[in-house]
Amino acid sequence: MVSLFAEYAKNYEEYLVRDPVCRMHIHPEYAADLDFYKGRILYFCSFPCKEKFVADPEKYFLEIPVKGNENKQSSE
């Protein structure tokens, strides 16, 4: 039997996104800030990471992996 915690942890990991600057995985609900860039929602773990991104977005945007629905804006 799978424990409720194990099931929650599995589901939690499915929703993790990656900060484009420091590459840390975070849950969107707990992100310090977010931004919209080229049709995608980007989540940031801290305000300094957001400031670095705003200063040079192309540097970090080109490094964002395109896998699954990671950091994509919902089409709904």
N, C-alpha and C. Protein backbone atom coordinates (compact mmCIF):
# COMPACT_ATOMS: atom_id res chain seq x y z
N MET A 1 0.83 -1.19 0.00
CA MET A 1 0.00 0.00 0.00
C MET A 1 0.88 1.25 0.00
N VAL A 2 0.55 2.18 -0.86
CA VAL A 2 1.32 3.41 -0.96
C VAL A 2 0.79 4.39 0.08
N SER A 3 1.72 4.98 0.82
CA SER A 3 1.30 5.94 1.85
C SER A 3 0.81 7.23 1.20
N LEU A 4 0.01 7.96 1.93
CA LEU A 4 -0.48 9.25 1.42
C LEU A 4 0.68 10.21 1.17
N PHE A 5 1.69 10.17 2.04
CA PHE A 5 2.84 11.05 1.86
C PHE A 5 3.58 10.72 0.57
N ALA A 6 3.77 9.44 0.29
CA ALA A 6 4.47 9.03 -0.93
C ALA A 6 3.69 9.47 -2.17
N GLU A 7 2.38 9.33 -2.12
CA GLU A 7 1.55 9.74 -3.24
C GLU A 7 1.61 11.26 -3.42
N TYR A 8 1.58 12.00 -2.32
CA TYR A 8 1.67 13.46 -2.37
C TYR A 8 3.02 13.88 -2.94
N ALA A 9 4.09 13.24 -2.49
CA ALA A 9 5.43 13.59 -2.97
C ALA A 9 5.55 13.34 -4.47
N LYS A 10 4.99 12.25 -4.94
CA LYS A 10 5.03 11.95 -6.37
C LYS A 10 4.30 13.03 -7.16
N ASN A 11 3.10 13.39 -6.72
CA ASN A 11 2.34 14.43 -7.40
C ASN A 11 3.01 15.78 -7.30
N TYR A 12 3.62 16.06 -6.17
CA TYR A 12 4.31 17.34 -5.97
C TYR A 12 5.43 17.52 -6.99
N GLU A 13 6.21 16.47 -7.19
CA GLU A 13 7.33 16.54 -8.13
C GLU A 13 6.88 16.76 -9.56
N GLU A 14 5.69 16.30 -9.92
CA GLU A 14 5.18 16.49 -11.26
C GLU A 14 4.96 17.97 -11.59
N TYR A 15 4.76 18.78 -10.58
CA TYR A 15 4.45 20.19 -10.79
C TYR A 15 5.66 21.10 -10.61
N LEU A 16 6.82 20.55 -10.31
CA LEU A 16 8.00 21.38 -10.12
C LEU A 16 8.42 22.04 -11.43
N VAL A 17 8.89 23.27 -11.32
CA VAL A 17 9.42 24.01 -12.45
C VAL A 17 10.85 24.42 -12.11
N ARG A 18 11.56 24.94 -13.08
CA ARG A 18 12.96 25.28 -12.86
C ARG A 18 13.18 26.78 -13.01
N ASP A 19 13.86 27.35 -12.02
CA ASP A 19 14.26 28.75 -12.10
C ASP A 19 15.26 28.86 -13.25
N PRO A 20 15.03 29.75 -14.23
CA PRO A 20 15.93 29.81 -15.39
C PRO A 20 17.32 30.35 -15.06
N VAL A 21 17.49 31.00 -13.94
CA VAL A 21 18.78 31.59 -13.59
C VAL A 21 19.64 30.62 -12.80
N CYS A 22 19.17 30.20 -11.64
CA CYS A 22 19.98 29.31 -10.79
C CYS A 22 19.70 27.83 -11.04
N ARG A 23 18.65 27.54 -11.84
CA ARG A 23 18.29 26.18 -12.24
C ARG A 23 17.70 25.34 -11.11
N MET A 24 17.32 25.97 -9.99
CA MET A 24 16.75 25.25 -8.87
C MET A 24 15.30 24.85 -9.19
N HIS A 25 14.91 23.65 -8.80
CA HIS A 25 13.53 23.21 -8.96
C HIS A 25 12.69 23.81 -7.83
N ILE A 26 11.55 24.37 -8.19
CA ILE A 26 10.64 24.96 -7.21
C ILE A 26 9.21 24.63 -7.60
N HIS A 27 8.33 24.68 -6.63
CA HIS A 27 6.90 24.52 -6.91
C HIS A 27 6.37 25.92 -7.25
N PRO A 28 5.61 26.06 -8.32
CA PRO A 28 5.11 27.38 -8.73
C PRO A 28 4.39 28.13 -7.62
N GLU A 29 3.71 27.40 -6.76
CA GLU A 29 2.97 28.04 -5.67
C GLU A 29 3.89 28.77 -4.69
N TYR A 30 5.14 28.32 -4.60
CA TYR A 30 6.07 28.90 -3.64
C TYR A 30 7.14 29.76 -4.30
N ALA A 31 6.98 30.07 -5.57
CA ALA A 31 7.95 30.92 -6.27
C ALA A 31 7.94 32.33 -5.69
N ALA A 32 9.11 32.94 -5.63
CA ALA A 32 9.22 34.31 -5.13
C ALA A 32 8.62 35.30 -6.12
N ASP A 33 8.72 35.00 -7.41
CA ASP A 33 8.19 35.88 -8.44
C ASP A 33 8.06 35.09 -9.73
N LEU A 34 7.37 35.69 -10.69
CA LEU A 34 7.25 35.07 -12.01
C LEU A 34 7.27 36.16 -13.06
N ASP A 35 7.47 35.73 -14.30
CA ASP A 35 7.51 36.67 -15.42
C ASP A 35 6.99 35.93 -16.64
N PHE A 36 6.48 36.68 -17.59
CA PHE A 36 6.06 36.13 -18.87
C PHE A 36 7.09 36.55 -19.90
N TYR A 37 7.60 35.59 -20.65
CA TYR A 37 8.61 35.91 -21.65
C TYR A 37 8.44 34.99 -22.84
N LYS A 38 8.24 35.57 -24.01
CA LYS A 38 8.08 34.81 -25.25
C LYS A 38 7.04 33.70 -25.12
N GLY A 39 5.91 34.03 -24.53
CA GLY A 39 4.82 33.08 -24.43
C GLY A 39 4.95 32.03 -23.35
N ARG A 40 5.93 32.16 -22.50
CA ARG A 40 6.12 31.18 -21.42
C ARG A 40 6.08 31.87 -20.08
N ILE A 41 5.62 31.14 -19.08
CA ILE A 41 5.67 31.63 -17.71
C ILE A 41 6.96 31.11 -17.10
N LEU A 42 7.73 32.02 -16.54
CA LEU A 42 8.98 31.65 -15.88
C LEU A 42 8.85 31.94 -14.39
N TYR A 43 9.26 31.00 -13.57
CA TYR A 43 9.16 31.13 -12.12
C TYR A 43 10.56 31.31 -11.54
N PHE A 44 10.65 32.13 -10.50
CA PHE A 44 11.94 32.44 -9.89
C PHE A 44 11.93 32.10 -8.41
N CYS A 45 13.03 31.54 -7.94
CA CYS A 45 13.13 31.15 -6.54
C CYS A 45 13.36 32.35 -5.64
N SER A 46 13.91 33.43 -6.20
CA SER A 46 14.22 34.62 -5.40
C SER A 46 14.17 35.87 -6.28
N PHE A 47 14.09 37.02 -5.62
CA PHE A 47 14.07 38.27 -6.36
C PHE A 47 15.42 38.56 -7.05
N PRO A 48 16.57 38.21 -6.43
CA PRO A 48 17.84 38.39 -7.16
C PRO A 48 17.90 37.60 -8.47
N CYS A 49 17.34 36.39 -8.49
CA CYS A 49 17.30 35.62 -9.74
C CYS A 49 16.44 36.33 -10.77
N LYS A 50 15.31 36.86 -10.34
CA LYS A 50 14.44 37.60 -11.27
C LYS A 50 15.17 38.82 -11.81
N GLU A 51 15.90 39.56 -10.97
CA GLU A 51 16.64 40.74 -11.41
C GLU A 51 17.71 40.36 -12.43
N LYS A 52 18.40 39.26 -12.22
CA LYS A 52 19.41 38.81 -13.18
C LYS A 52 18.76 38.47 -14.52
N PHE A 53 17.60 37.82 -14.47
CA PHE A 53 16.91 37.48 -15.70
C PHE A 53 16.49 38.73 -16.45
N VAL A 54 15.91 39.69 -15.77
CA VAL A 54 15.43 40.92 -16.40
C VAL A 54 16.60 41.68 -17.04
N ALA A 55 17.77 41.63 -16.42
CA ALA A 55 18.94 42.33 -16.94
C ALA A 55 19.42 41.73 -18.26
N ASP A 56 19.28 40.42 -18.44
CA ASP A 56 19.76 39.77 -19.66
C ASP A 56 18.92 38.51 -19.94
N PRO A 57 17.65 38.70 -20.35
CA PRO A 57 16.76 37.54 -20.49
C PRO A 57 17.21 36.51 -21.51
N GLU A 58 17.79 36.92 -22.60
CA GLU A 58 18.20 35.95 -23.63
C GLU A 58 19.29 35.01 -23.13
N LYS A 59 20.15 35.50 -22.26
CA LYS A 59 21.22 34.65 -21.70
C LYS A 59 20.62 33.44 -20.99
N TYR A 60 19.56 33.67 -20.23
CA TYR A 60 18.96 32.61 -19.44
C TYR A 60 17.85 31.88 -20.19
N PHE A 61 17.14 32.57 -21.04
CA PHE A 61 16.02 31.95 -21.76
C PHE A 61 16.51 30.86 -22.70
N LEU A 62 17.64 31.06 -23.33
CA LEU A 62 18.16 30.06 -24.27
C LEU A 62 18.59 28.79 -23.56
N GLU A 63 18.83 28.86 -22.25
CA GLU A 63 19.28 27.70 -21.50
C GLU A 63 18.13 26.89 -20.90
N ILE A 64 16.90 27.38 -21.03
CA ILE A 64 15.76 26.68 -20.45
C ILE A 64 15.45 25.44 -21.28
N PRO A 65 15.45 24.27 -20.65
CA PRO A 65 15.15 23.05 -21.40
C PRO A 65 13.70 23.02 -21.84
N VAL A 66 13.46 22.44 -23.00
CA VAL A 66 12.10 22.30 -23.49
C VAL A 66 11.74 20.83 -23.34
N LYS A 67 11.15 20.50 -22.19
CA LYS A 67 10.74 19.12 -21.95
C LYS A 67 9.38 19.13 -21.31
N GLY A 68 8.54 18.26 -21.76
CA GLY A 68 7.20 18.16 -21.17
C GLY A 68 6.52 19.50 -21.13
N ASN A 69 5.98 19.85 -19.98
CA ASN A 69 5.32 21.14 -19.84
C ASN A 69 6.08 22.05 -18.89
N GLU A 70 7.37 21.81 -18.75
CA GLU A 70 8.16 22.57 -17.80
C GLU A 70 8.15 24.06 -18.14
N ASN A 71 7.66 24.85 -17.22
CA ASN A 71 7.62 26.31 -17.32
C ASN A 71 6.84 26.82 -18.51
N LYS A 72 5.95 26.04 -19.07
CA LYS A 72 5.14 26.51 -20.20
C LYS A 72 3.87 27.15 -19.70
N GLN A 73 3.42 28.14 -20.43
CA GLN A 73 2.16 28.77 -20.11
C GLN A 73 1.04 27.84 -20.56
N SER A 74 0.05 27.73 -19.73
CA SER A 74 -1.09 26.86 -20.05
C SER A 74 -1.87 27.44 -21.21
N SER A 75 -2.35 26.60 -22.11
CA SER A 75 -3.13 27.06 -23.24
C SER A 75 -4.63 27.07 -22.92
N GLU A 76 -4.97 26.73 -21.68
CA GLU A 76 -6.38 26.69 -21.28
C GLU A 76 -6.89 28.06 -20.96
